[in-house]
Amino acid sequence: MPLDPAERSLRARLGAHESWAKTRDRSARTAPARRGLMARFEREVDPEGRLPAEQRAEMARHKYVAHFQRLSLMAAAGRRKKREAAADPKAA
């Protein structure tokens, strides 16, 4: 029998917590993902690979920070919208 979305989510979170409970070095576990993300930003700022490595890395770090600040801004806007909707149900 298929799981409903709420139960599937609970099972996934349970599995994630079990997995992280067995992880001694969290930084080492997430290092490949961090390297991949920085490589993506390096490709975005210098698609042809013509810049010196140091300059490309610096530009990629700025792109990285901008990405996460954008996500933070979007989350804040979502929280504000949710808060306003709860304060004035007619506006939703």
C-alpha atoms as a PDB file:
ATOM      1  CA  MET A   1       0.000   0.000   0.000  1.00  0.00           C
ATOM      2  CA  PRO A   2       1.477   3.386  -0.968  1.00  0.00           C
ATOM      3  CA  LEU A   3       2.328   5.845   1.747  1.00  0.00           C
ATOM      4  CA  ASP A   4       0.554   9.164   1.972  1.00  0.00           C
ATOM      5  CA  PRO A   5       2.810  12.235   1.603  1.00  0.00           C
ATOM      6  CA  ALA A   6       2.883  12.999   5.347  1.00  0.00           C
ATOM      7  CA  GLU A   7       3.986   9.469   6.263  1.00  0.00           C
ATOM      8  CA  ARG A   8       6.550   9.384   3.463  1.00  0.00           C
ATOM      9  CA  SER A   9       7.967  12.679   4.770  1.00  0.00           C
ATOM     10  CA  LEU A  10       8.154  11.320   8.315  1.00  0.00           C
ATOM     11  CA  ARG A  11       9.967   8.204   7.132  1.00  0.00           C
ATOM     12  CA  ALA A  12      12.421  10.252   5.099  1.00  0.00           C
ATOM     13  CA  ARG A  13      13.194  12.529   8.055  1.00  0.00           C
ATOM     14  CA  LEU A  14      13.645   9.500  10.298  1.00  0.00           C
ATOM     15  CA  GLY A  15      16.113   8.008   7.823  1.00  0.00           C
ATOM     16  CA  ALA A  16      18.011  11.280   7.550  1.00  0.00           C
ATOM     17  CA  HIS A  17      18.341  11.574  11.327  1.00  0.00           C
ATOM     18  CA  GLU A  18      19.506   7.951  11.604  1.00  0.00           C
ATOM     19  CA  SER A  19      22.079   8.571   8.892  1.00  0.00           C
ATOM     20  CA  TRP A  20      23.410  11.772  10.493  1.00  0.00           C
ATOM     21  CA  ALA A  21      23.532  10.019  13.878  1.00  0.00           C
ATOM     22  CA  LYS A  22      26.084   7.615  12.357  1.00  0.00           C
ATOM     23  CA  THR A  23      28.185  10.355  10.761  1.00  0.00           C
ATOM     24  CA  ARG A  24      31.298  11.228  12.736  1.00  0.00           C
ATOM     25  CA  ASP A  25      32.677  13.897  10.394  1.00  0.00           C
ATOM     26  CA  ARG A  26      29.826  16.027   9.082  1.00  0.00           C
ATOM     27  CA  SER A  27      32.169  18.340   7.213  1.00  0.00           C
ATOM     28  CA  ALA A  28      33.815  15.486   5.321  1.00  0.00           C
ATOM     29  CA  ARG A  29      30.420  14.042   4.409  1.00  0.00           C
ATOM     30  CA  THR A  30      29.208  17.293   2.880  1.00  0.00           C
ATOM     31  CA  ALA A  31      32.534  18.299   1.270  1.00  0.00           C
ATOM     32  CA  PRO A  32      31.742  16.838  -2.183  1.00  0.00           C
ATOM     33  CA  ALA A  33      28.504  18.820  -2.347  1.00  0.00           C
ATOM     34  CA  ARG A  34      30.241  22.039  -1.308  1.00  0.00           C
ATOM     35  CA  ARG A  35      32.945  21.500  -3.933  1.00  0.00           C
ATOM     36  CA  GLY A  36      30.291  20.840  -6.568  1.00  0.00           C
ATOM     37  CA  LEU A  37      28.378  23.989  -5.658  1.00  0.00           C
ATOM     38  CA  MET A  38      31.505  26.136  -5.824  1.00  0.00           C
ATOM     39  CA  ALA A  39      32.415  24.540  -9.174  1.00  0.00           C
ATOM     40  CA  ARG A  40      28.953  25.488 -10.452  1.00  0.00           C
ATOM     41  CA  PHE A  41      29.445  29.099  -9.396  1.00  0.00           C
ATOM     42  CA  GLU A  42      32.928  29.144 -10.933  1.00  0.00           C
ATOM     43  CA  ARG A  43      31.436  27.950 -14.241  1.00  0.00           C
ATOM     44  CA  GLU A  44      28.776  30.654 -14.000  1.00  0.00           C
ATOM     45  CA  VAL A  45      31.240  33.507 -13.437  1.00  0.00           C
ATOM     46  CA  ASP A  46      33.824  32.248 -15.943  1.00  0.00           C
ATOM     47  CA  PRO A  47      32.208  29.875 -18.459  1.00  0.00           C
ATOM     48  CA  GLU A  48      35.264  29.807 -20.749  1.00  0.00           C
ATOM     49  CA  GLY A  49      37.741  29.328 -17.885  1.00  0.00           C
ATOM     50  CA  ARG A  50      39.863  32.270 -18.966  1.00  0.00           C
ATOM     51  CA  LEU A  51      40.280  34.054 -15.641  1.00  0.00           C
ATOM     52  CA  PRO A  52      43.139  33.333 -13.239  1.00  0.00           C
ATOM     53  CA  ALA A  53      42.105  30.698 -10.663  1.00  0.00           C
ATOM     54  CA  GLU A  54      42.295  33.131  -7.731  1.00  0.00           C
ATOM     55  CA  GLN A  55      40.095  35.709  -9.423  1.00  0.00           C
ATOM     56  CA  ARG A  56      37.580  33.061 -10.528  1.00  0.00           C
ATOM     57  CA  ALA A  57      37.439  31.651  -6.976  1.00  0.00           C
ATOM     58  CA  GLU A  58      36.862  35.125  -5.490  1.00  0.00           C
ATOM     59  CA  MET A  59      34.081  35.885  -7.955  1.00  0.00           C
ATOM     60  CA  ALA A  60      32.526  32.475  -7.263  1.00  0.00           C
ATOM     61  CA  ARG A  61      32.558  33.182  -3.512  1.00  0.00           C
ATOM     62  CA  HIS A  62      30.611  36.381  -4.150  1.00  0.00           C
ATOM     63  CA  LYS A  63      28.161  34.461  -6.357  1.00  0.00           C
ATOM     64  CA  TYR A  64      27.797  31.898  -3.546  1.00  0.00           C
ATOM     65  CA  VAL A  65      27.008  34.565  -0.945  1.00  0.00           C
ATOM     66  CA  ALA A  66      24.582  36.285  -3.314  1.00  0.00           C
ATOM     67  CA  HIS A  67      22.800  32.968  -3.923  1.00  0.00           C
ATOM     68  CA  PHE A  68      22.234  32.312  -0.243  1.00  0.00           C
ATOM     69  CA  GLN A  69      21.261  35.918   0.478  1.00  0.00           C
ATOM     70  CA  ARG A  70      18.685  35.648  -2.319  1.00  0.00           C
ATOM     71  CA  LEU A  71      17.295  32.475  -0.727  1.00  0.00           C
ATOM     72  CA  SER A  72      17.172  34.240   2.638  1.00  0.00           C
ATOM     73  CA  LEU A  73      15.325  37.191   1.130  1.00  0.00           C
ATOM     74  CA  MET A  74      12.782  34.882  -0.494  1.00  0.00           C
ATOM     75  CA  ALA A  75      12.253  33.026   2.786  1.00  0.00           C
ATOM     76  CA  ALA A  76      11.735  36.294   4.669  1.00  0.00           C
ATOM     77  CA  ALA A  77       9.183  37.414   2.080  1.00  0.00           C
ATOM     78  CA  GLY A  78       7.363  34.100   2.423  1.00  0.00           C
ATOM     79  CA  ARG A  79       7.287  34.365   6.206  1.00  0.00           C
ATOM     80  CA  ARG A  80       6.005  37.935   5.976  1.00  0.00           C
ATOM     81  CA  LYS A  81       3.271  36.905   3.533  1.00  0.00           C
ATOM     82  CA  LYS A  82       2.238  34.033   5.789  1.00  0.00           C
ATOM     83  CA  ARG A  83       2.229  36.305   8.846  1.00  0.00           C
ATOM     84  CA  GLU A  84       0.116  38.922   7.037  1.00  0.00           C
ATOM     85  CA  ALA A  85      -2.325  36.286   5.844  1.00  0.00           C
ATOM     86  CA  ALA A  86      -2.733  34.975   9.378  1.00  0.00           C
ATOM     87  CA  ALA A  87      -3.333  38.503  10.701  1.00  0.00           C
ATOM     88  CA  ASP A  88      -5.909  39.295   7.995  1.00  0.00           C
ATOM     89  CA  PRO A  89      -7.585  36.133   6.653  1.00  0.00           C
ATOM     90  CA  LYS A  90      -9.702  38.220   4.219  1.00  0.00           C
ATOM     91  CA  ALA A  91      -6.563  39.401   2.406  1.00  0.00           C
ATOM     92  CA  ALA A  92      -5.595  35.840   1.466  1.00  0.00           C
END
